[in-house]
Amino acid sequence: QVQLVESGGGLVQAGGSLRLSCAASTSIFSTSTMSWYRQAPGKQREWVATITTGGSTNYADSVKGRFIISRDNAKNTMYLQMNSLQPEDTAVYSCTAAHFYWGQGTQVTVSS
């Protein structure tokens, strides 16, 4: 069974940084397009960023220039470097492999 486990969330002040990780349990990771999503309280889940198997990336306008998505296929791990965090970035961040497998999420809270 494929498992995705996010880590790296926490509480940070506005302007700070966090690095999220998404570790996959099997080698399916290397053949899957991977994405980050987030869901803030009372809001719908929002796409954040995507990285293909070839390393091409795409970002939501709300995070472009502040967040960086990357992957290490040898470690079956994807990352999300989040810089210049703002209170509106507060959400549960989840990773997905091919929009089929999903992690449980990690909470990111940005204080003003």
Protein backbone atom coordinates (compact mmCIF):
# COMPACT_ATOMS: atom_id res chain seq x y z
CA GLN A 1 0.00 0.00 0.00
CA VAL A 2 1.33 3.39 -0.98
CA GLN A 3 1.67 5.89 1.81
CA LEU A 4 2.52 9.56 1.67
CA VAL A 5 3.66 11.22 4.87
CA GLU A 6 4.04 14.96 5.18
CA SER A 7 6.24 16.66 7.76
CA GLY A 8 7.79 20.01 8.49
CA GLY A 9 4.73 22.03 9.38
CA GLY A 10 4.54 24.26 12.39
CA LEU A 11 4.02 27.76 13.70
CA VAL A 12 6.01 30.60 12.17
CA GLN A 13 5.82 34.38 12.21
CA ALA A 14 4.91 36.33 9.12
CA GLY A 15 7.92 36.70 6.88
CA GLY A 16 9.40 33.44 8.05
CA SER A 17 10.12 30.21 6.23
CA LEU A 18 9.28 26.54 6.50
CA ARG A 19 10.27 23.49 4.49
CA LEU A 20 7.70 20.76 4.06
CA SER A 21 8.56 17.20 3.10
CA CYS A 22 6.43 14.48 1.57
CA ALA A 23 7.90 11.00 1.86
CA ALA A 24 6.48 8.17 -0.24
CA SER A 25 6.55 4.59 0.90
CA THR A 26 7.30 3.02 -2.45
CA SER A 27 9.09 3.66 -5.71
CA ILE A 28 5.85 4.80 -7.36
CA PHE A 29 7.09 8.24 -6.42
CA SER A 30 9.68 8.32 -9.21
CA THR A 31 7.05 7.74 -11.90
CA SER A 32 4.42 10.13 -10.58
CA THR A 33 3.68 13.78 -11.01
CA MET A 34 3.59 15.15 -7.49
CA SER A 35 1.63 18.10 -6.13
CA TRP A 36 1.02 20.10 -3.01
CA TYR A 37 -2.42 21.28 -1.99
CA ARG A 38 -3.61 23.24 1.01
CA GLN A 39 -6.88 23.75 2.80
CA ALA A 40 -7.55 26.62 5.13
CA PRO A 41 -10.35 26.48 7.73
CA GLY A 42 -13.72 27.02 6.10
CA LYS A 43 -12.27 27.07 2.59
CA GLN A 44 -12.00 24.64 -0.27
CA ARG A 45 -8.81 22.76 -0.95
CA GLU A 46 -6.48 24.84 -3.10
CA TRP A 47 -3.76 23.67 -5.46
CA VAL A 48 -0.34 25.07 -4.55
CA ALA A 49 2.31 23.58 -6.83
CA THR A 50 3.15 20.64 -9.07
CA ILE A 51 6.37 18.97 -10.15
CA THR A 52 6.55 16.43 -12.96
CA THR A 53 8.80 13.40 -13.15
CA GLY A 54 11.11 15.44 -15.34
CA GLY A 55 11.32 18.26 -12.84
CA SER A 56 9.08 20.78 -14.54
CA THR A 57 7.27 22.94 -12.01
CA ASN A 58 4.13 25.01 -11.87
CA TYR A 59 2.79 27.25 -9.12
CA ALA A 60 -0.41 28.90 -8.07
CA ASP A 61 -0.25 32.66 -8.53
CA SER A 62 -0.70 33.11 -4.78
CA VAL A 63 2.63 31.41 -4.02
CA LYS A 64 4.66 32.10 -7.15
CA GLY A 65 8.00 33.67 -6.29
CA ARG A 66 7.75 32.63 -2.62
CA PHE A 67 7.44 28.83 -2.69
CA ILE A 68 9.75 26.33 -4.36
CA ILE A 69 8.75 22.74 -5.08
CA SER A 70 11.41 20.09 -5.59
CA ARG A 71 11.85 16.34 -5.50
CA ASP A 72 14.51 13.77 -4.75
CA ASN A 73 13.61 10.54 -6.54
CA ALA A 74 16.42 8.65 -4.83
CA LYS A 75 14.80 9.41 -1.48
CA ASN A 76 11.19 9.14 -2.71
CA THR A 77 10.67 12.57 -1.21
CA MET A 78 9.17 15.83 -2.40
CA TYR A 79 9.74 19.19 -0.76
CA LEU A 80 8.05 22.56 -0.54
CA GLN A 81 10.28 25.43 0.51
CA MET A 82 8.01 28.20 1.71
CA ASN A 83 9.47 31.67 2.10
CA SER A 84 7.98 35.05 3.01
CA LEU A 85 5.08 33.30 4.68
CA GLN A 86 1.96 35.30 5.34
CA PRO A 87 -1.05 34.66 7.60
CA GLU A 88 -3.11 33.77 4.54
CA ASP A 89 -0.78 30.82 3.97
CA THR A 90 -2.14 29.21 7.12
CA ALA A 91 -3.62 25.85 6.15
CA VAL A 92 -3.21 22.11 6.23
CA TYR A 93 -0.79 21.21 3.47
CA SER A 94 -1.15 17.84 1.77
CA CYS A 95 0.81 16.08 -0.93
CA THR A 96 -0.51 13.84 -3.66
CA ALA A 97 0.98 11.42 -6.13
CA ALA A 98 -0.81 11.63 -9.45
CA HIS A 99 -3.91 12.87 -7.63
CA PHE A 100 -4.51 9.27 -6.65
CA TYR A 101 -2.58 8.83 -3.43
CA TRP A 102 -2.88 11.49 -0.73
CA GLY A 103 -1.13 12.18 2.52
CA GLN A 104 -2.84 13.15 5.76
CA GLY A 105 -1.45 16.65 5.77
CA THR A 106 0.68 18.86 7.97
CA GLN A 107 -0.50 22.04 9.65
CA VAL A 108 1.16 25.33 8.81
CA THR A 109 0.22 28.31 10.93
CA VAL A 110 1.57 31.78 10.20
CA SER A 111 1.10 34.41 12.90
CA SER A 112 0.92 38.11 12.14
